[in-house]
Amino acid sequence: MKDKPTNFDPITIASLQFQTGEFQAAKKTYQEIIKNNPKDFQALVLLGNIALLSNKFKKAEKWLLKALKISPSELAPHALLAEVYYRQDDFKNAAKHLRKFNMDDLAERLEIKD
């Protein structure tokens, strides 16, 4: 998928790049989308996911928190943020986001770890 198909919108191109493991290309395409539309929820979440997969936790947190400001009730950013915090041993914040999924038992166990 070296060349971008011209008959697809940028979010579709970025999604295809992501799904085929071309994370750097997807990241670049999502960043172009954000440059043109800073409130593109899907692009923000997927930039956060790419950063998380790259172990760039602060960047992941930044993108995902921006997504939550746009749509606080959406679950995807909460799920990814729970993982971001868990992987940094920040169990209190991980628990906060797990509660959005009614995972109170797991959240309580994490809070005890913290």
PDB file of N, CA and C in Angstrom:
ATOM      1  N   MET A   1       0.831  -1.189   0.000  1.00  0.00           N
ATOM      2  CA  MET A   1       0.000   0.000   0.000  1.00  0.00           C
ATOM      3  C   MET A   1       0.874   1.250   0.000  1.00  0.00           C
ATOM      4  N   LYS A   2       1.871   1.226  -0.804  1.00  0.00           N
ATOM      5  CA  LYS A   2       2.833   2.321  -0.852  1.00  0.00           C
ATOM      6  C   LYS A   2       2.178   3.625  -1.317  1.00  0.00           C
ATOM      7  N   ASP A   3       1.374   3.546  -2.366  1.00  0.00           N
ATOM      8  CA  ASP A   3       0.708   4.740  -2.874  1.00  0.00           C
ATOM      9  C   ASP A   3      -0.700   4.810  -2.305  1.00  0.00           C
ATOM     10  N   LYS A   4      -1.108   6.020  -1.929  1.00  0.00           N
ATOM     11  CA  LYS A   4      -2.459   6.202  -1.406  1.00  0.00           C
ATOM     12  C   LYS A   4      -3.461   6.142  -2.548  1.00  0.00           C
ATOM     13  N   PRO A   5      -4.504   5.328  -2.403  1.00  0.00           N
ATOM     14  CA  PRO A   5      -5.562   5.374  -3.413  1.00  0.00           C
ATOM     15  C   PRO A   5      -6.201   6.758  -3.409  1.00  0.00           C
ATOM     16  N   THR A   6      -6.537   7.269  -4.572  1.00  0.00           N
ATOM     17  CA  THR A   6      -7.055   8.636  -4.652  1.00  0.00           C
ATOM     18  C   THR A   6      -8.566   8.709  -4.472  1.00  0.00           C
ATOM     19  N   ASN A   7      -9.264   7.585  -4.559  1.00  0.00           N
ATOM     20  CA  ASN A   7     -10.722   7.638  -4.478  1.00  0.00           C
ATOM     21  C   ASN A   7     -11.247   7.365  -3.072  1.00  0.00           C
ATOM     22  N   PHE A   8     -10.398   7.397  -2.068  1.00  0.00           N
ATOM     23  CA  PHE A   8     -10.813   7.195  -0.682  1.00  0.00           C
ATOM     24  C   PHE A   8     -10.578   8.482   0.106  1.00  0.00           C
ATOM     25  N   ASP A   9     -11.440   8.685   1.109  1.00  0.00           N
ATOM     26  CA  ASP A   9     -11.224   9.835   1.978  1.00  0.00           C
ATOM     27  C   ASP A   9     -10.042   9.532   2.907  1.00  0.00           C
ATOM     28  N   PRO A  10      -9.419  10.557   3.488  1.00  0.00           N
ATOM     29  CA  PRO A  10      -8.220  10.357   4.317  1.00  0.00           C
ATOM     30  C   PRO A  10      -8.423   9.409   5.498  1.00  0.00           C
ATOM     31  N   ILE A  11      -9.583   9.433   6.141  1.00  0.00           N
ATOM     32  CA  ILE A  11      -9.793   8.562   7.300  1.00  0.00           C
ATOM     33  C   ILE A  11      -9.820   7.099   6.863  1.00  0.00           C
ATOM     34  N   THR A  12     -10.373   6.819   5.692  1.00  0.00           N
ATOM     35  CA  THR A  12     -10.384   5.452   5.159  1.00  0.00           C
ATOM     36  C   THR A  12      -8.972   5.010   4.811  1.00  0.00           C
ATOM     37  N   ILE A  13      -8.213   5.889   4.203  1.00  0.00           N
ATOM     38  CA  ILE A  13      -6.818   5.580   3.865  1.00  0.00           C
ATOM     39  C   ILE A  13      -6.036   5.267   5.135  1.00  0.00           C
ATOM     40  N   ALA A  14      -6.176   6.128   6.151  1.00  0.00           N
ATOM     41  CA  ALA A  14      -5.448   5.920   7.404  1.00  0.00           C
ATOM     42  C   ALA A  14      -5.877   4.615   8.076  1.00  0.00           C
ATOM     43  N   SER A  15      -7.168   4.323   8.040  1.00  0.00           N
ATOM     44  CA  SER A  15      -7.671   3.079   8.636  1.00  0.00           C
ATOM     45  C   SER A  15      -7.093   1.858   7.928  1.00  0.00           C
ATOM     46  N   LEU A  16      -7.037   1.917   6.616  1.00  0.00           N
ATOM     47  CA  LEU A  16      -6.443   0.812   5.849  1.00  0.00           C
ATOM     48  C   LEU A  16      -4.952   0.669   6.160  1.00  0.00           C
ATOM     49  N   GLN A  17      -4.268   1.786   6.264  1.00  0.00           N
ATOM     50  CA  GLN A  17      -2.847   1.743   6.620  1.00  0.00           C
ATOM     51  C   GLN A  17      -2.663   1.107   7.990  1.00  0.00           C
ATOM     52  N   PHE A  18      -3.486   1.499   8.942  1.00  0.00           N
ATOM     53  CA  PHE A  18      -3.406   0.953  10.290  1.00  0.00           C
ATOM     54  C   PHE A  18      -3.682  -0.548  10.277  1.00  0.00           C
ATOM     55  N   GLN A  19      -4.749  -0.950   9.600  1.00  0.00           N
ATOM     56  CA  GLN A  19      -5.146  -2.355   9.567  1.00  0.00           C
ATOM     57  C   GLN A  19      -4.122  -3.249   8.889  1.00  0.00           C
ATOM     58  N   THR A  20      -3.321  -2.686   7.999  1.00  0.00           N
ATOM     59  CA  THR A  20      -2.300  -3.479   7.316  1.00  0.00           C
ATOM     60  C   THR A  20      -0.929  -3.349   7.986  1.00  0.00           C
ATOM     61  N   GLY A  21      -0.910  -2.732   9.164  1.00  0.00           N
ATOM     62  CA  GLY A  21       0.329  -2.645   9.934  1.00  0.00           C
ATOM     63  C   GLY A  21       1.267  -1.531   9.516  1.00  0.00           C
ATOM     64  N   GLU A  22       0.806  -0.644   8.676  1.00  0.00           N
ATOM     65  CA  GLU A  22       1.633   0.490   8.251  1.00  0.00           C
ATOM     66  C   GLU A  22       1.399   1.650   9.221  1.00  0.00           C
ATOM     67  N   PHE A  23       1.883   1.461  10.450  1.00  0.00           N
ATOM     68  CA  PHE A  23       1.556   2.399  11.526  1.00  0.00           C
ATOM     69  C   PHE A  23       2.139   3.786  11.315  1.00  0.00           C
ATOM     70  N   GLN A  24       3.343   3.874  10.803  1.00  0.00           N
ATOM     71  CA  GLN A  24       3.934   5.201  10.586  1.00  0.00           C
ATOM     72  C   GLN A  24       3.173   5.965   9.501  1.00  0.00           C
ATOM     73  N   ALA A  25       2.790   5.269   8.447  1.00  0.00           N
ATOM     74  CA  ALA A  25       2.004   5.916   7.387  1.00  0.00           C
ATOM     75  C   ALA A  25       0.638   6.328   7.928  1.00  0.00           C
ATOM     76  N   ALA A  26       0.021   5.455   8.719  1.00  0.00           N
ATOM     77  CA  ALA A  26      -1.282   5.787   9.310  1.00  0.00           C
ATOM     78  C   ALA A  26      -1.149   6.990  10.230  1.00  0.00           C
ATOM     79  N   LYS A  27      -0.107   6.988  11.045  1.00  0.00           N
ATOM     80  CA  LYS A  27       0.129   8.116  11.960  1.00  0.00           C
ATOM     81  C   LYS A  27       0.224   9.421  11.171  1.00  0.00           C
ATOM     82  N   LYS A  28       0.984   9.406  10.102  1.00  0.00           N
ATOM     83  CA  LYS A  28       1.154  10.611   9.286  1.00  0.00           C
ATOM     84  C   LYS A  28      -0.182  11.056   8.681  1.00  0.00           C
ATOM     85  N   THR A  29      -0.959  10.108   8.194  1.00  0.00           N
ATOM     86  CA  THR A  29      -2.256  10.449   7.601  1.00  0.00           C
ATOM     87  C   THR A  29      -3.211  10.995   8.654  1.00  0.00           C
ATOM     88  N   TYR A  30      -3.248  10.352   9.833  1.00  0.00           N
ATOM     89  CA  TYR A  30      -4.110  10.864  10.913  1.00  0.00           C
ATOM     90  C   TYR A  30      -3.673  12.266  11.342  1.00  0.00           C
ATOM     91  N   GLN A  31      -2.372  12.514  11.382  1.00  0.00           N
ATOM     92  CA  GLN A  31      -1.889  13.845  11.753  1.00  0.00           C
ATOM     93  C   GLN A  31      -2.313  14.891  10.728  1.00  0.00           C
ATOM     94  N   GLU A  32      -2.329  14.510   9.449  1.00  0.00           N
ATOM     95  CA  GLU A  32      -2.816  15.421   8.405  1.00  0.00           C
ATOM     96  C   GLU A  32      -4.297  15.726   8.624  1.00  0.00           C
ATOM     97  N   ILE A  33      -5.040  14.701   9.007  1.00  0.00           N
ATOM     98  CA  ILE A  33      -6.473  14.890   9.269  1.00  0.00           C
ATOM     99  C   ILE A  33      -6.658  15.870  10.433  1.00  0.00           C
ATOM    100  N   ILE A  34      -5.884  15.677  11.507  1.00  0.00           N
ATOM    101  CA  ILE A  34      -5.979  16.547  12.684  1.00  0.00           C
ATOM    102  C   ILE A  34      -5.570  17.981  12.347  1.00  0.00           C
ATOM    103  N   LYS A  35      -4.608  18.114  11.470  1.00  0.00           N
ATOM    104  CA  LYS A  35      -4.187  19.462  11.066  1.00  0.00           C
ATOM    105  C   LYS A  35      -5.359  20.203  10.413  1.00  0.00           C
ATOM    106  N   ASN A  36      -6.147  19.484   9.622  1.00  0.00           N
ATOM    107  CA  ASN A  36      -7.293  20.090   8.942  1.00  0.00           C
ATOM    108  C   ASN A  36      -8.546  20.150   9.813  1.00  0.00           C
ATOM    109  N   ASN A  37      -8.647  19.215  10.761  1.00  0.00           N
ATOM    110  CA  ASN A  37      -9.818  19.166  11.638  1.00  0.00           C
ATOM    111  C   ASN A  37      -9.373  18.694  13.020  1.00  0.00           C
ATOM    112  N   PRO A  38      -8.947  19.622  13.877  1.00  0.00           N
ATOM    113  CA  PRO A  38      -8.414  19.257  15.195  1.00  0.00           C
ATOM    114  C   PRO A  38      -9.395  18.507  16.091  1.00  0.00           C
ATOM    115  N   LYS A  39     -10.668  18.499  15.740  1.00  0.00           N
ATOM    116  CA  LYS A  39     -11.672  17.822  16.561  1.00  0.00           C
ATOM    117  C   LYS A  39     -12.174  16.528  15.929  1.00  0.00           C
ATOM    118  N   ASP A  40     -11.369  15.942  15.047  1.00  0.00           N
ATOM    119  CA  ASP A  40     -11.760  14.663  14.444  1.00  0.00           C
ATOM    120  C   ASP A  40     -11.558  13.564  15.479  1.00  0.00           C
ATOM    121  N   PHE A  41     -12.665  13.109  16.058  1.00  0.00           N
ATOM    122  CA  PHE A  41     -12.633  12.152  17.159  1.00  0.00           C
ATOM    123  C   PHE A  41     -11.910  10.864  16.777  1.00  0.00           C
ATOM    124  N   GLN A  42     -12.262  10.294  15.653  1.00  0.00           N
ATOM    125  CA  GLN A  42     -11.672   9.020  15.237  1.00  0.00           C
ATOM    126  C   GLN A  42     -10.162   9.140  15.048  1.00  0.00           C
ATOM    127  N   ALA A  43      -9.714  10.203  14.428  1.00  0.00           N
ATOM    128  CA  ALA A  43      -8.281  10.394  14.214  1.00  0.00           C
ATOM    129  C   ALA A  43      -7.548  10.548  15.545  1.00  0.00           C
ATOM    130  N   LEU A  44      -8.149  11.275  16.478  1.00  0.00           N
ATOM    131  CA  LEU A  44      -7.530  11.445  17.794  1.00  0.00           C
ATOM    132  C   LEU A  44      -7.389  10.108  18.525  1.00  0.00           C
ATOM    133  N   VAL A  45      -8.451   9.310  18.506  1.00  0.00           N
ATOM    134  CA  VAL A  45      -8.412   8.010  19.184  1.00  0.00           C
ATOM    135  C   VAL A  45      -7.364   7.111  18.545  1.00  0.00           C
ATOM    136  N   LEU A  46      -7.327   7.098  17.233  1.00  0.00           N
ATOM    137  CA  LEU A  46      -6.386   6.193  16.569  1.00  0.00           C
ATOM    138  C   LEU A  46      -4.945   6.684  16.676  1.00  0.00           C
ATOM    139  N   LEU A  47      -4.732   7.979  16.751  1.00  0.00           N
ATOM    140  CA  LEU A  47      -3.381   8.472  17.057  1.00  0.00           C
ATOM    141  C   LEU A  47      -2.971   8.034  18.455  1.00  0.00           C
ATOM    142  N   GLY A  48      -3.922   8.078  19.390  1.00  0.00           N
ATOM    143  CA  GLY A  48      -3.648   7.588  20.735  1.00  0.00           C
ATOM    144  C   GLY A  48      -3.320   6.114  20.742  1.00  0.00           C
ATOM    145  N   ASN A  49      -4.040   5.350  19.952  1.00  0.00           N
ATOM    146  CA  ASN A  49      -3.794   3.909  19.874  1.00  0.00           C
ATOM    147  C   ASN A  49      -2.419   3.626  19.278  1.00  0.00           C
ATOM    148  N   ILE A  50      -2.054   4.329  18.228  1.00  0.00           N
ATOM    149  CA  ILE A  50      -0.736   4.144  17.617  1.00  0.00           C
ATOM    150  C   ILE A  50       0.363   4.488  18.617  1.00  0.00           C
ATOM    151  N   ALA A  51       0.191   5.580  19.348  1.00  0.00           N
ATOM    152  CA  ALA A  51       1.184   5.959  20.358  1.00  0.00           C
ATOM    153  C   ALA A  51       1.275   4.889  21.445  1.00  0.00           C
ATOM    154  N   LEU A  52       0.140   4.362  21.867  1.00  0.00           N
ATOM    155  CA  LEU A  52       0.128   3.298  22.875  1.00  0.00           C
ATOM    156  C   LEU A  52       0.870   2.070  22.366  1.00  0.00           C
ATOM    157  N   LEU A  53       0.604   1.672  21.133  1.00  0.00           N
ATOM    158  CA  LEU A  53       1.279   0.510  20.556  1.00  0.00           C
ATOM    159  C   LEU A  53       2.787   0.725  20.432  1.00  0.00           C
ATOM    160  N   SER A  54       3.195   1.991  20.370  1.00  0.00           N
ATOM    161  CA  SER A  54       4.613   2.342  20.279  1.00  0.00           C
ATOM    162  C   SER A  54       5.224   2.610  21.649  1.00  0.00           C
ATOM    163  N   ASN A  55       4.447   2.352  22.710  1.00  0.00           N
ATOM    164  CA  ASN A  55       4.890   2.606  24.091  1.00  0.00           C
ATOM    165  C   ASN A  55       5.212   4.073  24.350  1.00  0.00           C
ATOM    166  N   LYS A  56       4.558   4.958  23.630  1.00  0.00           N
ATOM    167  CA  LYS A  56       4.704   6.397  23.841  1.00  0.00           C
ATOM    168  C   LYS A  56       3.500   6.852  24.645  1.00  0.00           C
ATOM    169  N   PHE A  57       3.575   6.560  25.947  1.00  0.00           N
ATOM    170  CA  PHE A  57       2.412   6.705  26.809  1.00  0.00           C
ATOM    171  C   PHE A  57       1.959   8.145  26.979  1.00  0.00           C
ATOM    172  N   LYS A  58       2.878   9.077  27.094  1.00  0.00           N
ATOM    173  CA  LYS A  58       2.480  10.489  27.267  1.00  0.00           C
ATOM    174  C   LYS A  58       1.770  11.007  26.021  1.00  0.00           C
ATOM    175  N   LYS A  59       2.277  10.627  24.852  1.00  0.00           N
ATOM    176  CA  LYS A  59       1.603  11.039  23.613  1.00  0.00           C
ATOM    177  C   LYS A  59       0.241  10.384  23.502  1.00  0.00           C
ATOM    178  N   ALA A  60       0.162   9.104  23.852  1.00  0.00           N
ATOM    179  CA  ALA A  60      -1.130   8.402  23.813  1.00  0.00           C
ATOM    180  C   ALA A  60      -2.124   9.105  24.725  1.00  0.00           C
ATOM    181  N   GLU A  61      -1.676   9.415  25.931  1.00  0.00           N
ATOM    182  CA  GLU A  61      -2.543  10.102  26.890  1.00  0.00           C
ATOM    183  C   GLU A  61      -3.023  11.435  26.317  1.00  0.00           C
ATOM    184  N   LYS A  62      -2.124  12.187  25.714  1.00  0.00           N
ATOM    185  CA  LYS A  62      -2.479  13.497  25.150  1.00  0.00           C
ATOM    186  C   LYS A  62      -3.583  13.363  24.101  1.00  0.00           C
ATOM    187  N   TRP A  63      -3.410  12.445  23.147  1.00  0.00           N
ATOM    188  CA  TRP A  63      -4.403  12.275  22.085  1.00  0.00           C
ATOM    189  C   TRP A  63      -5.733  11.792  22.641  1.00  0.00           C
ATOM    190  N   LEU A  64      -5.674  10.849  23.556  1.00  0.00           N
ATOM    191  CA  LEU A  64      -6.912  10.251  24.080  1.00  0.00           C
ATOM    192  C   LEU A  64      -7.684  11.224  24.962  1.00  0.00           C
ATOM    193  N   LEU A  65      -6.986  12.044  25.724  1.00  0.00           N
ATOM    194  CA  LEU A  65      -7.667  13.060  26.532  1.00  0.00           C
ATOM    195  C   LEU A  65      -8.336  14.104  25.645  1.00  0.00           C
ATOM    196  N   LYS A  66      -7.700  14.435  24.518  1.00  0.00           N
ATOM    197  CA  LYS A  66      -8.327  15.357  23.563  1.00  0.00           C
ATOM    198  C   LYS A  66      -9.605  14.740  23.006  1.00  0.00           C
ATOM    199  N   ALA A  67      -9.554  13.448  22.713  1.00  0.00           N
ATOM    200  CA  ALA A  67     -10.743  12.757  22.199  1.00  0.00           C
ATOM    201  C   ALA A  67     -11.858  12.774  23.236  1.00  0.00           C
ATOM    202  N   LEU A  68     -11.510  12.557  24.504  1.00  0.00           N
ATOM    203  CA  LEU A  68     -12.525  12.565  25.562  1.00  0.00           C
ATOM    204  C   LEU A  68     -13.156  13.938  25.748  1.00  0.00           C
ATOM    205  N   LYS A  69     -12.402  14.992  25.522  1.00  0.00           N
ATOM    206  CA  LYS A  69     -12.984  16.339  25.618  1.00  0.00           C
ATOM    207  C   LYS A  69     -14.065  16.533  24.565  1.00  0.00           C
ATOM    208  N   ILE A  70     -13.882  15.893  23.414  1.00  0.00           N
ATOM    209  CA  ILE A  70     -14.856  16.016  22.329  1.00  0.00           C
ATOM    210  C   ILE A  70     -16.073  15.144  22.598  1.00  0.00           C
ATOM    211  N   SER A  71     -15.827  13.938  23.094  1.00  0.00           N
ATOM    212  CA  SER A  71     -16.924  12.994  23.307  1.00  0.00           C
ATOM    213  C   SER A  71     -16.678  12.180  24.578  1.00  0.00           C
ATOM    214  N   PRO A  72     -17.013  12.749  25.737  1.00  0.00           N
ATOM    215  CA  PRO A  72     -16.700  12.118  27.024  1.00  0.00           C
ATOM    216  C   PRO A  72     -17.383  10.775  27.270  1.00  0.00           C
ATOM    217  N   SER A  73     -18.482  10.514  26.594  1.00  0.00           N
ATOM    218  CA  SER A  73     -19.196   9.260  26.860  1.00  0.00           C
ATOM    219  C   SER A  73     -18.736   8.099  25.969  1.00  0.00           C
ATOM    220  N   GLU A  74     -17.920   8.369  24.974  1.00  0.00           N
ATOM    221  CA  GLU A  74     -17.417   7.298  24.109  1.00  0.00           C
ATOM    222  C   GLU A  74     -16.479   6.393  24.902  1.00  0.00           C
ATOM    223  N   LEU A  75     -16.600   5.096  24.713  1.00  0.00           N
ATOM    224  CA  LEU A  75     -15.838   4.141  25.513  1.00  0.00           C
ATOM    225  C   LEU A  75     -14.417   3.877  24.996  1.00  0.00           C
ATOM    226  N   ALA A  76     -14.174   4.004  23.707  1.00  0.00           N
ATOM    227  CA  ALA A  76     -12.859   3.663  23.155  1.00  0.00           C
ATOM    228  C   ALA A  76     -11.711   4.420  23.823  1.00  0.00           C
ATOM    229  N   PRO A  77     -11.810   5.739  23.989  1.00  0.00           N
ATOM    230  CA  PRO A  77     -10.698   6.431  24.647  1.00  0.00           C
ATOM    231  C   PRO A  77     -10.518   5.994  26.094  1.00  0.00           C
ATOM    232  N   HIS A  78     -11.614   5.678  26.770  1.00  0.00           N
ATOM    233  CA  HIS A  78     -11.514   5.207  28.155  1.00  0.00           C
ATOM    234  C   HIS A  78     -10.771   3.875  28.219  1.00  0.00           C
ATOM    235  N   ALA A  79     -11.094   2.976  27.302  1.00  0.00           N
ATOM    236  CA  ALA A  79     -10.433   1.668  27.282  1.00  0.00           C
ATOM    237  C   ALA A  79      -8.941   1.821  27.032  1.00  0.00           C
ATOM    238  N   LEU A  80      -8.598   2.654  26.073  1.00  0.00           N
ATOM    239  CA  LEU A  80      -7.179   2.850  25.751  1.00  0.00           C
ATOM    240  C   LEU A  80      -6.451   3.574  26.875  1.00  0.00           C
ATOM    241  N   LEU A  81      -7.110   4.560  27.490  1.00  0.00           N
ATOM    242  CA  LEU A  81      -6.481   5.254  28.618  1.00  0.00           C
ATOM    243  C   LEU A  81      -6.274   4.318  29.801  1.00  0.00           C
ATOM    244  N   ALA A  82      -7.211   3.416  30.036  1.00  0.00           N
ATOM    245  CA  ALA A  82      -7.033   2.434  31.113  1.00  0.00           C
ATOM    246  C   ALA A  82      -5.758   1.644  30.872  1.00  0.00           C
ATOM    247  N   GLU A  83      -5.524   1.250  29.623  1.00  0.00           N
ATOM    248  CA  GLU A  83      -4.296   0.505  29.307  1.00  0.00           C
ATOM    249  C   GLU A  83      -3.059   1.388  29.434  1.00  0.00           C
ATOM    250  N   VAL A  84      -3.156   2.624  28.962  1.00  0.00           N
ATOM    251  CA  VAL A  84      -2.017   3.560  29.090  1.00  0.00           C
ATOM    252  C   VAL A  84      -1.593   3.658  30.551  1.00  0.00           C
ATOM    253  N   TYR A  85      -2.552   3.890  31.423  1.00  0.00           N
ATOM    254  CA  TYR A  85      -2.234   4.064  32.839  1.00  0.00           C
ATOM    255  C   TYR A  85      -1.782   2.750  33.481  1.00  0.00           C
ATOM    256  N   TYR A  86      -2.447   1.661  33.142  1.00  0.00           N
ATOM    257  CA  TYR A  86      -2.077   0.360  33.712  1.00  0.00           C
ATOM    258  C   TYR A  86      -0.632   0.014  33.364  1.00  0.00           C
ATOM    259  N   ARG A  87      -0.250   0.249  32.125  1.00  0.00           N
ATOM    260  CA  ARG A  87       1.106  -0.102  31.681  1.00  0.00           C
ATOM    261  C   ARG A  87       2.176   0.793  32.299  1.00  0.00           C
ATOM    262  N   GLN A  88       1.746   1.876  32.933  1.00  0.00           N
ATOM    263  CA  GLN A  88       2.686   2.742  33.657  1.00  0.00           C
ATOM    264  C   GLN A  88       2.552   2.563  35.166  1.00  0.00           C
ATOM    265  N   ASP A  89       1.825   1.539  35.577  1.00  0.00           N
ATOM    266  CA  ASP A  89       1.569   1.255  36.993  1.00  0.00           C
ATOM    267  C   ASP A  89       0.809   2.379  37.691  1.00  0.00           C
ATOM    268  N   ASP A  90       0.050   3.141  36.942  1.00  0.00           N
ATOM    269  CA  ASP A  90      -0.813   4.181  37.508  1.00  0.00           C
ATOM    270  C   ASP A  90      -2.208   3.573  37.654  1.00  0.00           C
ATOM    271  N   PHE A  91      -2.346   2.723  38.654  1.00  0.00           N
ATOM    272  CA  PHE A  91      -3.545   1.914  38.803  1.00  0.00           C
ATOM    273  C   PHE A  91      -4.774   2.741  39.169  1.00  0.00           C
ATOM    274  N   LYS A  92      -4.569   3.830  39.888  1.00  0.00           N
ATOM    275  CA  LYS A  92      -5.698   4.678  40.273  1.00  0.00           C
ATOM    276  C   LYS A  92      -6.384   5.257  39.036  1.00  0.00           C
ATOM    277  N   ASN A  93      -5.600   5.796  38.115  1.00  0.00           N
ATOM    278  CA  ASN A  93      -6.182   6.345  36.890  1.00  0.00           C
ATOM    279  C   ASN A  93      -6.713   5.251  35.975  1.00  0.00           C
ATOM    280  N   ALA A  94      -6.051   4.114  35.936  1.00  0.00           N
ATOM    281  CA  ALA A  94      -6.563   2.991  35.144  1.00  0.00           C
ATOM    282  C   ALA A  94      -7.937   2.586  35.666  1.00  0.00           C
ATOM    283  N   ALA A  95      -8.061   2.514  36.983  1.00  0.00           N
ATOM    284  CA  ALA A  95      -9.331   2.124  37.606  1.00  0.00           C
ATOM    285  C   ALA A  95     -10.446   3.111  37.246  1.00  0.00           C
ATOM    286  N   LYS A  96     -10.119   4.391  37.250  1.00  0.00           N
ATOM    287  CA  LYS A  96     -11.109   5.427  36.919  1.00  0.00           C
ATOM    288  C   LYS A  96     -11.727   5.170  35.545  1.00  0.00           C
ATOM    289  N   HIS A  97     -10.908   4.785  34.592  1.00  0.00           N
ATOM    290  CA  HIS A  97     -11.412   4.549  33.238  1.00  0.00           C
ATOM    291  C   HIS A  97     -12.085   3.184  33.112  1.00  0.00           C
ATOM    292  N   LEU A  98     -11.644   2.206  33.890  1.00  0.00           N
ATOM    293  CA  LEU A  98     -12.304   0.900  33.876  1.00  0.00           C
ATOM    294  C   LEU A  98     -13.732   0.989  34.411  1.00  0.00           C
ATOM    295  N   ARG A  99     -13.962   1.898  35.330  1.00  0.00           N
ATOM    296  CA  ARG A  99     -15.307   2.061  35.889  1.00  0.00           C
ATOM    297  C   ARG A  99     -16.327   2.463  34.820  1.00  0.00           C
ATOM    298  N   LYS A 100     -15.873   3.043  33.745  1.00  0.00           N
ATOM    299  CA  LYS A 100     -16.783   3.405  32.646  1.00  0.00           C
ATOM    300  C   LYS A 100     -17.392   2.156  31.999  1.00  0.00           C
ATOM    301  N   PHE A 101     -16.748   1.006  32.230  1.00  0.00           N
ATOM    302  CA  PHE A 101     -17.218  -0.271  31.680  1.00  0.00           C
ATOM    303  C   PHE A 101     -17.914  -1.110  32.744  1.00  0.00           C
ATOM    304  N   ASN A 102     -18.232  -0.491  33.872  1.00  0.00           N
ATOM    305  CA  ASN A 102     -18.833  -1.205  35.008  1.00  0.00           C
ATOM    306  C   ASN A 102     -17.945  -2.352  35.488  1.00  0.00           C
ATOM    307  N   MET A 103     -16.642  -2.133  35.432  1.00  0.00           N
ATOM    308  CA  MET A 103     -15.684  -3.129  35.901  1.00  0.00           C
ATOM    309  C   MET A 103     -15.198  -2.730  37.297  1.00  0.00           C
ATOM    310  N   ASP A 104     -16.152  -2.539  38.190  1.00  0.00           N
ATOM    311  CA  ASP A 104     -15.843  -2.033  39.528  1.00  0.00           C
ATOM    312  C   ASP A 104     -14.962  -2.980  40.335  1.00  0.00           C
ATOM    313  N   ASP A 105     -15.187  -4.298  40.207  1.00  0.00           N
ATOM    314  CA  ASP A 105     -14.358  -5.249  40.967  1.00  0.00           C
ATOM    315  C   ASP A 105     -12.893  -5.131  40.581  1.00  0.00           C
ATOM    316  N   LEU A 106     -12.631  -5.118  39.282  1.00  0.00           N
ATOM    317  CA  LEU A 106     -11.248  -4.985  38.813  1.00  0.00           C
ATOM    318  C   LEU A 106     -10.694  -3.623  39.208  1.00  0.00           C
ATOM    319  N   ALA A 107     -11.501  -2.576  39.077  1.00  0.00           N
ATOM    320  CA  ALA A 107     -11.056  -1.227  39.446  1.00  0.00           C
ATOM    321  C   ALA A 107     -10.676  -1.175  40.921  1.00  0.00           C
ATOM    322  N   GLU A 108     -11.462  -1.795  41.758  1.00  0.00           N
ATOM    323  CA  GLU A 108     -11.151  -1.797  43.198  1.00  0.00           C
ATOM    324  C   GLU A 108      -9.841  -2.533  43.479  1.00  0.00           C
ATOM    325  N   ARG A 109      -9.620  -3.651  42.798  1.00  0.00           N
ATOM    326  CA  ARG A 109      -8.354  -4.380  42.998  1.00  0.00           C
ATOM    327  C   ARG A 109      -7.170  -3.548  42.552  1.00  0.00           C
ATOM    328  N   LEU A 110      -7.329  -2.786  41.478  1.00  0.00           N
ATOM    329  CA  LEU A 110      -6.238  -1.934  41.016  1.00  0.00           C
ATOM    330  C   LEU A 110      -5.967  -0.800  42.002  1.00  0.00           C
ATOM    331  N   GLU A 111      -7.030  -0.242  42.534  1.00  0.00           N
ATOM    332  CA  GLU A 111      -6.858   0.850  43.499  1.00  0.00           C
ATOM    333  C   GLU A 111      -6.126   0.369  44.744  1.00  0.00           C
ATOM    334  N   ILE A 112      -6.317  -0.871  45.113  1.00  0.00           N
ATOM    335  CA  ILE A 112      -5.603  -1.434  46.269  1.00  0.00           C
ATOM    336  C   ILE A 112      -4.112  -1.548  45.956  1.00  0.00           C
ATOM    337  N   LYS A 113      -3.772  -1.855  44.694  1.00  0.00           N
ATOM    338  CA  LYS A 113      -2.372  -1.986  44.280  1.00  0.00           C
ATOM    339  C   LYS A 113      -1.647  -0.640  44.357  1.00  0.00           C
ATOM    340  N   ASP A 114      -2.386   0.425  44.108  1.00  0.00           N
ATOM    341  CA  ASP A 114      -1.757   1.756  43.991  1.00  0.00           C
ATOM    342  C   ASP A 114      -1.271   2.296  45.308  1.00  0.00           C
TER     343      ASP A 114
END
